[in-house]
């Protein structure tokens, strides 16, 4: 088989309707998979909503612990020290 015959055979195979149809189907399938992956990436998962934590709100809710001079963390109640 000469080079010219091989080139003609390859052109006929590549331009046949079967090869073109299979190529179009593969391209469509890849496009469909990429589109589905992109849509799934845009929406949150179905396991539940994701809650973003606000650090400022969490800091405001956390109680502050004050310490006395001895460093024991004990405070005197001002209401107990006052007598009527």
PDB file of N, CA and C in Angstrom:
ATOM      1  N   UNK A   1       0.855  -1.168   0.000  1.00  0.00           N
ATOM      2  CA  UNK A   1       0.000   0.000   0.000  1.00  0.00           C
ATOM      3  C   UNK A   1       0.902   1.231   0.000  1.00  0.00           C
ATOM      4  N   UNK A   2       0.652   2.111  -0.947  1.00  0.00           N
ATOM      5  CA  UNK A   2       1.486   3.304  -1.077  1.00  0.00           C
ATOM      6  C   UNK A   2       0.967   4.421  -0.172  1.00  0.00           C
ATOM      7  N   UNK A   3       1.731   5.477  -0.069  1.00  0.00           N
ATOM      8  CA  UNK A   3       1.365   6.611   0.776  1.00  0.00           C
ATOM      9  C   UNK A   3       0.100   7.304   0.316  1.00  0.00           C
ATOM     10  N   UNK A   4      -0.099   7.394  -0.985  1.00  0.00           N
ATOM     11  CA  UNK A   4      -1.296   8.050  -1.526  1.00  0.00           C
ATOM     12  C   UNK A   4      -2.541   7.234  -1.205  1.00  0.00           C
ATOM     13  N   UNK A   5      -2.449   5.911  -1.323  1.00  0.00           N
ATOM     14  CA  UNK A   5      -3.602   5.051  -0.997  1.00  0.00           C
ATOM     15  C   UNK A   5      -3.935   5.119   0.494  1.00  0.00           C
ATOM     16  N   UNK A   6      -2.903   5.142   1.340  1.00  0.00           N
ATOM     17  CA  UNK A   6      -3.111   5.233   2.793  1.00  0.00           C
ATOM     18  C   UNK A   6      -3.775   6.558   3.160  1.00  0.00           C
ATOM     19  N   UNK A   7      -3.320   7.636   2.542  1.00  0.00           N
ATOM     20  CA  UNK A   7      -3.901   8.959   2.811  1.00  0.00           C
ATOM     21  C   UNK A   7      -5.370   8.985   2.382  1.00  0.00           C
ATOM     22  N   UNK A   8      -5.697   8.427   1.249  1.00  0.00           N
ATOM     23  CA  UNK A   8      -7.079   8.387   0.767  1.00  0.00           C
ATOM     24  C   UNK A   8      -7.954   7.554   1.694  1.00  0.00           C
ATOM     25  N   UNK A   9      -7.428   6.430   2.155  1.00  0.00           N
ATOM     26  CA  UNK A   9      -8.185   5.573   3.070  1.00  0.00           C
ATOM     27  C   UNK A   9      -8.460   6.293   4.398  1.00  0.00           C
ATOM     28  N   UNK A  10      -7.462   6.983   4.936  1.00  0.00           N
ATOM     29  CA  UNK A  10      -7.650   7.724   6.197  1.00  0.00           C
ATOM     30  C   UNK A  10      -8.676   8.840   6.039  1.00  0.00           C
ATOM     31  N   UNK A  11      -8.644   9.553   4.948  1.00  0.00           N
ATOM     32  CA  UNK A  11      -9.617  10.620   4.708  1.00  0.00           C
ATOM     33  C   UNK A  11     -11.024  10.040   4.612  1.00  0.00           C
ATOM     34  N   UNK A  12     -11.167   8.904   3.934  1.00  0.00           N
ATOM     35  CA  UNK A  12     -12.486   8.285   3.816  1.00  0.00           C
ATOM     36  C   UNK A  12     -12.999   7.801   5.175  1.00  0.00           C
ATOM     37  N   UNK A  13     -12.115   7.258   6.005  1.00  0.00           N
ATOM     38  CA  UNK A  13     -12.534   6.781   7.329  1.00  0.00           C
ATOM     39  C   UNK A  13     -12.919   7.957   8.223  1.00  0.00           C
ATOM     40  N   UNK A  14     -12.096   8.980   8.234  1.00  0.00           N
ATOM     41  CA  UNK A  14     -12.360  10.130   9.118  1.00  0.00           C
ATOM     42  C   UNK A  14     -13.625  10.863   8.706  1.00  0.00           C
ATOM     43  N   UNK A  15     -13.904  10.963   7.428  1.00  0.00           N
ATOM     44  CA  UNK A  15     -15.090  11.685   6.965  1.00  0.00           C
ATOM     45  C   UNK A  15     -16.320  10.804   6.822  1.00  0.00           C
ATOM     46  N   UNK A  16     -16.265   9.561   7.243  1.00  0.00           N
ATOM     47  CA  UNK A  16     -17.450   8.696   7.164  1.00  0.00           C
ATOM     48  C   UNK A  16     -18.491   9.160   8.181  1.00  0.00           C
ATOM     49  N   UNK A  17     -19.751   8.876   7.900  1.00  0.00           N
ATOM     50  CA  UNK A  17     -20.817   9.364   8.775  1.00  0.00           C
ATOM     51  C   UNK A  17     -20.786   8.687  10.139  1.00  0.00           C
ATOM     52  N   UNK A  18     -20.304   7.468  10.245  1.00  0.00           N
ATOM     53  CA  UNK A  18     -20.239   6.776  11.530  1.00  0.00           C
ATOM     54  C   UNK A  18     -19.244   7.467  12.476  1.00  0.00           C
ATOM     55  N   UNK A  19     -18.077   7.807  11.949  1.00  0.00           N
ATOM     56  CA  UNK A  19     -17.057   8.450  12.786  1.00  0.00           C
ATOM     57  C   UNK A  19     -17.521   9.839  13.202  1.00  0.00           C
ATOM     58  N   UNK A  20     -18.135  10.574  12.299  1.00  0.00           N
ATOM     59  CA  UNK A  20     -18.621  11.915  12.621  1.00  0.00           C
ATOM     60  C   UNK A  20     -19.738  11.838  13.661  1.00  0.00           C
ATOM     61  N   UNK A  21     -20.654  10.883  13.539  1.00  0.00           N
ATOM     62  CA  UNK A  21     -21.760  10.740  14.494  1.00  0.00           C
ATOM     63  C   UNK A  21     -21.243  10.373  15.886  1.00  0.00           C
ATOM     64  N   UNK A  22     -20.307   9.438  15.963  1.00  0.00           N
ATOM     65  CA  UNK A  22     -19.753   9.039  17.258  1.00  0.00           C
ATOM     66  C   UNK A  22     -19.000  10.217  17.895  1.00  0.00           C
ATOM     67  N   UNK A  23     -18.282  10.986  17.111  1.00  0.00           N
ATOM     68  CA  UNK A  23     -17.566  12.153  17.631  1.00  0.00           C
ATOM     69  C   UNK A  23     -18.536  13.189  18.193  1.00  0.00           C
ATOM     70  N   UNK A  24     -19.626  13.445  17.484  1.00  0.00           N
ATOM     71  CA  UNK A  24     -20.629  14.404  17.959  1.00  0.00           C
ATOM     72  C   UNK A  24     -21.264  13.914  19.255  1.00  0.00           C
ATOM     73  N   UNK A  25     -21.573  12.626  19.343  1.00  0.00           N
ATOM     74  CA  UNK A  25     -22.171  12.062  20.562  1.00  0.00           C
ATOM     75  C   UNK A  25     -21.202  12.200  21.742  1.00  0.00           C
ATOM     76  N   UNK A  26     -19.937  11.936  21.527  1.00  0.00           N
ATOM     77  CA  UNK A  26     -18.946  12.051  22.608  1.00  0.00           C
ATOM     78  C   UNK A  26     -18.807  13.497  23.066  1.00  0.00           C
ATOM     79  N   UNK A  27     -18.772  14.439  22.131  1.00  0.00           N
ATOM     80  CA  UNK A  27     -18.673  15.860  22.489  1.00  0.00           C
ATOM     81  C   UNK A  27     -19.909  16.293  23.274  1.00  0.00           C
ATOM     82  N   UNK A  28     -21.094  15.860  22.852  1.00  0.00           N
ATOM     83  CA  UNK A  28     -22.322  16.193  23.572  1.00  0.00           C
ATOM     84  C   UNK A  28     -22.318  15.606  24.981  1.00  0.00           C
ATOM     85  N   UNK A  29     -21.867  14.389  25.122  1.00  0.00           N
ATOM     86  CA  UNK A  29     -21.810  13.736  26.429  1.00  0.00           C
ATOM     87  C   UNK A  29     -20.857  14.477  27.371  1.00  0.00           C
ATOM     88  N   UNK A  30     -19.689  14.864  26.888  1.00  0.00           N
ATOM     89  CA  UNK A  30     -18.724  15.611  27.716  1.00  0.00           C
ATOM     90  C   UNK A  30     -19.310  16.963  28.113  1.00  0.00           C
ATOM     91  N   UNK A  31     -19.991  17.642  27.180  1.00  0.00           N
ATOM     92  CA  UNK A  31     -20.639  18.913  27.488  1.00  0.00           C
ATOM     93  C   UNK A  31     -21.707  18.741  28.560  1.00  0.00           C
ATOM     94  N   UNK A  32     -22.491  17.690  28.462  1.00  0.00           N
ATOM     95  CA  UNK A  32     -23.551  17.413  29.432  1.00  0.00           C
ATOM     96  C   UNK A  32     -22.970  17.147  30.826  1.00  0.00           C
ATOM     97  N   UNK A  33     -21.905  16.373  30.907  1.00  0.00           N
ATOM     98  CA  UNK A  33     -21.274  16.078  32.198  1.00  0.00           C
ATOM     99  C   UNK A  33     -20.692  17.347  32.816  1.00  0.00           C
ATOM    100  N   UNK A  34     -20.038  18.172  32.019  1.00  0.00           N
ATOM    101  CA  UNK A  34     -19.475  19.422  32.538  1.00  0.00           C
ATOM    102  C   UNK A  34     -20.566  20.368  33.012  1.00  0.00           C
ATOM    103  N   UNK A  35     -21.680  20.435  32.295  1.00  0.00           N
ATOM    104  CA  UNK A  35     -22.794  21.286  32.707  1.00  0.00           C
ATOM    105  C   UNK A  35     -23.392  20.808  34.027  1.00  0.00           C
ATOM    106  N   UNK A  36     -23.568  19.523  34.175  1.00  0.00           N
ATOM    107  CA  UNK A  36     -24.111  18.976  35.423  1.00  0.00           C
ATOM    108  C   UNK A  36     -23.171  19.227  36.591  1.00  0.00           C
ATOM    109  N   UNK A  37     -21.881  19.106  36.371  1.00  0.00           N
ATOM    110  CA  UNK A  37     -20.915  19.365  37.440  1.00  0.00           C
ATOM    111  C   UNK A  37     -20.921  20.839  37.832  1.00  0.00           C
ATOM    112  N   UNK A  38     -21.076  21.724  36.866  1.00  0.00           N
ATOM    113  CA  UNK A  38     -21.099  23.154  37.151  1.00  0.00           C
ATOM    114  C   UNK A  38     -22.353  23.530  37.931  1.00  0.00           C
ATOM    115  N   UNK A  39     -23.503  22.952  37.574  1.00  0.00           N
ATOM    116  CA  UNK A  39     -24.755  23.229  38.282  1.00  0.00           C
ATOM    117  C   UNK A  39     -24.678  22.699  39.699  1.00  0.00           C
ATOM    118  N   UNK A  40     -24.139  21.517  39.883  1.00  0.00           N
ATOM    119  CA  UNK A  40     -24.020  20.931  41.226  1.00  0.00           C
ATOM    120  C   UNK A  40     -23.077  21.756  42.094  1.00  0.00           C
ATOM    121  N   UNK A  41     -22.081  22.349  41.490  1.00  0.00           N
ATOM    122  CA  UNK A  41     -21.131  23.165  42.231  1.00  0.00           C
ATOM    123  C   UNK A  41     -21.784  24.465  42.713  1.00  0.00           C
ATOM    124  N   UNK A  42     -22.755  24.998  41.953  1.00  0.00           N
ATOM    125  CA  UNK A  42     -23.403  26.261  42.287  1.00  0.00           C
ATOM    126  C   UNK A  42     -24.398  26.118  43.440  1.00  0.00           C
ATOM    127  N   UNK A  43     -25.021  24.965  43.576  1.00  0.00           N
ATOM    128  CA  UNK A  43     -26.034  24.773  44.602  1.00  0.00           C
ATOM    129  C   UNK A  43     -25.438  24.066  45.818  1.00  0.00           C
ATOM    130  N   UNK A  44     -25.945  24.396  47.034  1.00  0.00           N
ATOM    131  CA  UNK A  44     -25.454  23.688  48.220  1.00  0.00           C
ATOM    132  C   UNK A  44     -25.912  22.241  48.224  1.00  0.00           C
ATOM    133  N   UNK A  45     -25.246  21.441  49.022  1.00  0.00           N
ATOM    134  CA  UNK A  45     -25.580  20.021  49.071  1.00  0.00           C
ATOM    135  C   UNK A  45     -26.942  19.818  49.716  1.00  0.00           C
ATOM    136  N   UNK A  46     -27.549  18.679  49.461  1.00  0.00           N
ATOM    137  CA  UNK A  46     -28.880  18.400  49.978  1.00  0.00           C
ATOM    138  C   UNK A  46     -28.842  17.912  51.423  1.00  0.00           C
ATOM    139  N   UNK A  47     -27.650  17.805  52.012  1.00  0.00           N
ATOM    140  CA  UNK A  47     -27.556  17.332  53.386  1.00  0.00           C
ATOM    141  C   UNK A  47     -28.008  18.388  54.389  1.00  0.00           C
ATOM    142  N   UNK A  48     -28.167  19.597  53.966  1.00  0.00           N
ATOM    143  CA  UNK A  48     -28.644  20.651  54.843  1.00  0.00           C
ATOM    144  C   UNK A  48     -27.946  21.959  54.539  1.00  0.00           C
ATOM    145  N   UNK A  49     -28.522  23.044  55.038  1.00  0.00           N
ATOM    146  CA  UNK A  49     -27.908  24.344  54.768  1.00  0.00           C
ATOM    147  C   UNK A  49     -26.615  24.518  55.560  1.00  0.00           C
ATOM    148  N   UNK A  50     -25.688  25.156  54.947  1.00  0.00           N
ATOM    149  CA  UNK A  50     -24.431  25.447  55.630  1.00  0.00           C
ATOM    150  C   UNK A  50     -24.569  26.795  56.317  1.00  0.00           C
ATOM    151  N   UNK A  51     -24.209  26.846  57.590  1.00  0.00           N
ATOM    152  CA  UNK A  51     -24.344  28.060  58.369  1.00  0.00           C
ATOM    153  C   UNK A  51     -22.971  28.699  58.495  1.00  0.00           C
ATOM    154  N   UNK A  52     -22.907  29.955  58.109  1.00  0.00           N
ATOM    155  CA  UNK A  52     -21.657  30.694  58.256  1.00  0.00           C
ATOM    156  C   UNK A  52     -21.651  31.324  59.638  1.00  0.00           C
ATOM    157  N   UNK A  53     -20.567  31.141  60.337  1.00  0.00           N
ATOM    158  CA  UNK A  53     -20.469  31.664  61.688  1.00  0.00           C
ATOM    159  C   UNK A  53     -19.944  33.094  61.649  1.00  0.00           C
ATOM    160  N   UNK A  54     -20.573  33.928  62.417  1.00  0.00           N
ATOM    161  CA  UNK A  54     -20.158  35.306  62.539  1.00  0.00           C
ATOM    162  C   UNK A  54     -19.263  35.412  63.767  1.00  0.00           C
ATOM    163  N   UNK A  55     -18.009  35.733  63.579  1.00  0.00           N
ATOM    164  CA  UNK A  55     -17.065  35.769  64.702  1.00  0.00           C
ATOM    165  C   UNK A  55     -17.401  36.863  65.705  1.00  0.00           C
ATOM    166  N   UNK A  56     -17.893  37.993  65.225  1.00  0.00           N
ATOM    167  CA  UNK A  56     -18.244  39.080  66.142  1.00  0.00           C
ATOM    168  C   UNK A  56     -19.426  38.681  67.017  1.00  0.00           C
ATOM    169  N   UNK A  57     -20.414  38.024  66.428  1.00  0.00           N
ATOM    170  CA  UNK A  57     -21.580  37.595  67.202  1.00  0.00           C
ATOM    171  C   UNK A  57     -21.171  36.520  68.206  1.00  0.00           C
ATOM    172  N   UNK A  58     -20.289  35.635  67.827  1.00  0.00           N
ATOM    173  CA  UNK A  58     -19.843  34.591  68.740  1.00  0.00           C
ATOM    174  C   UNK A  58     -19.042  35.195  69.893  1.00  0.00           C
ATOM    175  N   UNK A  59     -18.268  36.231  69.625  1.00  0.00           N
ATOM    176  CA  UNK A  59     -17.495  36.877  70.680  1.00  0.00           C
ATOM    177  C   UNK A  59     -18.411  37.634  71.639  1.00  0.00           C
ATOM    178  N   UNK A  60     -19.518  38.196  71.131  1.00  0.00           N
ATOM    179  CA  UNK A  60     -20.444  38.929  71.973  1.00  0.00           C
ATOM    180  C   UNK A  60     -21.215  37.980  72.885  1.00  0.00           C
ATOM    181  N   UNK A  61     -21.462  36.769  72.473  1.00  0.00           N
ATOM    182  CA  UNK A  61     -22.222  35.807  73.267  1.00  0.00           C
ATOM    183  C   UNK A  61     -21.347  35.158  74.333  1.00  0.00           C
ATOM    184  N   UNK A  62     -20.066  35.001  74.076  1.00  0.00           N
ATOM    185  CA  UNK A  62     -19.169  34.338  75.003  1.00  0.00           C
ATOM    186  C   UNK A  62     -18.989  35.198  76.256  1.00  0.00           C
ATOM    187  N   UNK A  63     -19.269  34.653  77.453  1.00  0.00           N
ATOM    188  CA  UNK A  63     -19.111  35.446  78.676  1.00  0.00           C
ATOM    189  C   UNK A  63     -17.627  35.642  79.021  1.00  0.00           C
ATOM    190  N   UNK A  64     -17.354  36.793  79.572  1.00  0.00           N
ATOM    191  CA  UNK A  64     -15.989  37.077  79.990  1.00  0.00           C
ATOM    192  C   UNK A  64     -15.804  36.657  81.439  1.00  0.00           C
ATOM    193  N   UNK A  65     -14.684  36.072  81.731  1.00  0.00           N
ATOM    194  CA  UNK A  65     -14.374  35.627  83.080  1.00  0.00           C
ATOM    195  C   UNK A  65     -13.383  36.620  83.672  1.00  0.00           C
ATOM    196  N   UNK A  66     -13.767  37.223  84.789  1.00  0.00           N
ATOM    197  CA  UNK A  66     -12.843  38.160  85.443  1.00  0.00           C
ATOM    198  C   UNK A  66     -12.225  37.459  86.651  1.00  0.00           C
ATOM    199  N   UNK A  67     -11.045  37.853  86.986  1.00  0.00           N
ATOM    200  CA  UNK A  67     -10.344  37.231  88.095  1.00  0.00           C
ATOM    201  C   UNK A  67     -10.149  38.233  89.214  1.00  0.00           C
ATOM    202  N   UNK A  68     -10.037  37.737  90.424  1.00  0.00           N
ATOM    203  CA  UNK A  68      -9.738  38.614  91.553  1.00  0.00           C
ATOM    204  C   UNK A  68      -8.228  38.759  91.689  1.00  0.00           C
ATOM    205  N   UNK A  69      -7.776  39.409  92.759  1.00  0.00           N
ATOM    206  CA  UNK A  69      -6.346  39.669  92.930  1.00  0.00           C
ATOM    207  C   UNK A  69      -5.545  38.375  93.058  1.00  0.00           C
ATOM    208  N   UNK A  70      -6.129  37.356  93.673  1.00  0.00           N
ATOM    209  CA  UNK A  70      -5.423  36.095  93.863  1.00  0.00           C
ATOM    210  C   UNK A  70      -5.389  35.254  92.578  1.00  0.00           C
ATOM    211  N   UNK A  71      -6.174  35.634  91.598  1.00  0.00           N
ATOM    212  CA  UNK A  71      -6.196  34.904  90.346  1.00  0.00           C
ATOM    213  C   UNK A  71      -7.016  33.635  90.412  1.00  0.00           C
ATOM    214  N   UNK A  72      -7.966  33.524  91.355  1.00  0.00           N
ATOM    215  CA  UNK A  72      -8.766  32.316  91.503  1.00  0.00           C
ATOM    216  C   UNK A  72     -10.035  32.341  90.653  1.00  0.00           C
ATOM    217  N   UNK A  73     -10.368  33.497  90.086  1.00  0.00           N
ATOM    218  CA  UNK A  73     -11.564  33.579  89.269  1.00  0.00           C
ATOM    219  C   UNK A  73     -12.822  33.727  90.085  1.00  0.00           C
ATOM    220  N   UNK A  74     -12.705  34.089  91.344  1.00  0.00           N
ATOM    221  CA  UNK A  74     -13.862  34.242  92.209  1.00  0.00           C
ATOM    222  C   UNK A  74     -14.224  35.713  92.315  1.00  0.00           C
ATOM    223  N   UNK A  75     -15.497  36.004  92.346  1.00  0.00           N
ATOM    224  CA  UNK A  75     -15.960  37.369  92.501  1.00  0.00           C
ATOM    225  C   UNK A  75     -16.889  37.434  93.694  1.00  0.00           C
ATOM    226  N   UNK A  76     -16.889  38.571  94.334  1.00  0.00           N
ATOM    227  CA  UNK A  76     -17.832  38.777  95.418  1.00  0.00           C
ATOM    228  C   UNK A  76     -19.111  39.328  94.837  1.00  0.00           C
ATOM    229  N   UNK A  77     -20.236  38.879  95.388  1.00  0.00           N
ATOM    230  CA  UNK A  77     -21.523  39.375  94.941  1.00  0.00           C
ATOM    231  C   UNK A  77     -21.778  40.707  95.641  1.00  0.00           C
ATOM    232  N   UNK A  78     -21.955  41.808  94.914  1.00  0.00           N
ATOM    233  CA  UNK A  78     -22.153  43.105  95.560  1.00  0.00           C
ATOM    234  C   UNK A  78     -23.453  43.157  96.369  1.00  0.00           C
ATOM    235  N   UNK A  79     -24.452  42.386  96.031  1.00  0.00           N
ATOM    236  CA  UNK A  79     -25.714  42.406  96.755  1.00  0.00           C
ATOM    237  C   UNK A  79     -25.556  41.759  98.135  1.00  0.00           C
ATOM    238  N   UNK A  80     -24.649  40.794  98.283  1.00  0.00           N
ATOM    239  CA  UNK A  80     -24.473  40.131  99.582  1.00  0.00           C
ATOM    240  C   UNK A  80     -23.731  41.004 100.574  1.00  0.00           C
ATOM    241  N   UNK A  81     -22.883  41.876 100.097  1.00  0.00           N
ATOM    242  CA  UNK A  81     -22.108  42.709 100.989  1.00  0.00           C
ATOM    243  C   UNK A  81     -22.886  43.878 101.572  1.00  0.00           C
ATOM    244  N   UNK A  82     -24.008  44.198 101.018  1.00  0.00           N
ATOM    245  CA  UNK A  82     -24.808  45.342 101.486  1.00  0.00           C
ATOM    246  C   UNK A  82     -25.888  44.861 102.436  1.00  0.00           C
ATOM    247  N   UNK A  83     -25.998  45.553 103.560  1.00  0.00           N
ATOM    248  CA  UNK A  83     -27.055  45.216 104.509  1.00  0.00           C
ATOM    249  C   UNK A  83     -28.030  46.370 104.583  1.00  0.00           C
ATOM    250  N   UNK A  84     -29.283  46.092 104.817  1.00  0.00           N
ATOM    251  CA  UNK A  84     -30.311  47.133 104.930  1.00  0.00           C
ATOM    252  C   UNK A  84     -30.565  47.514 106.324  1.00  0.00           C
TER     253      UNK A  84
END
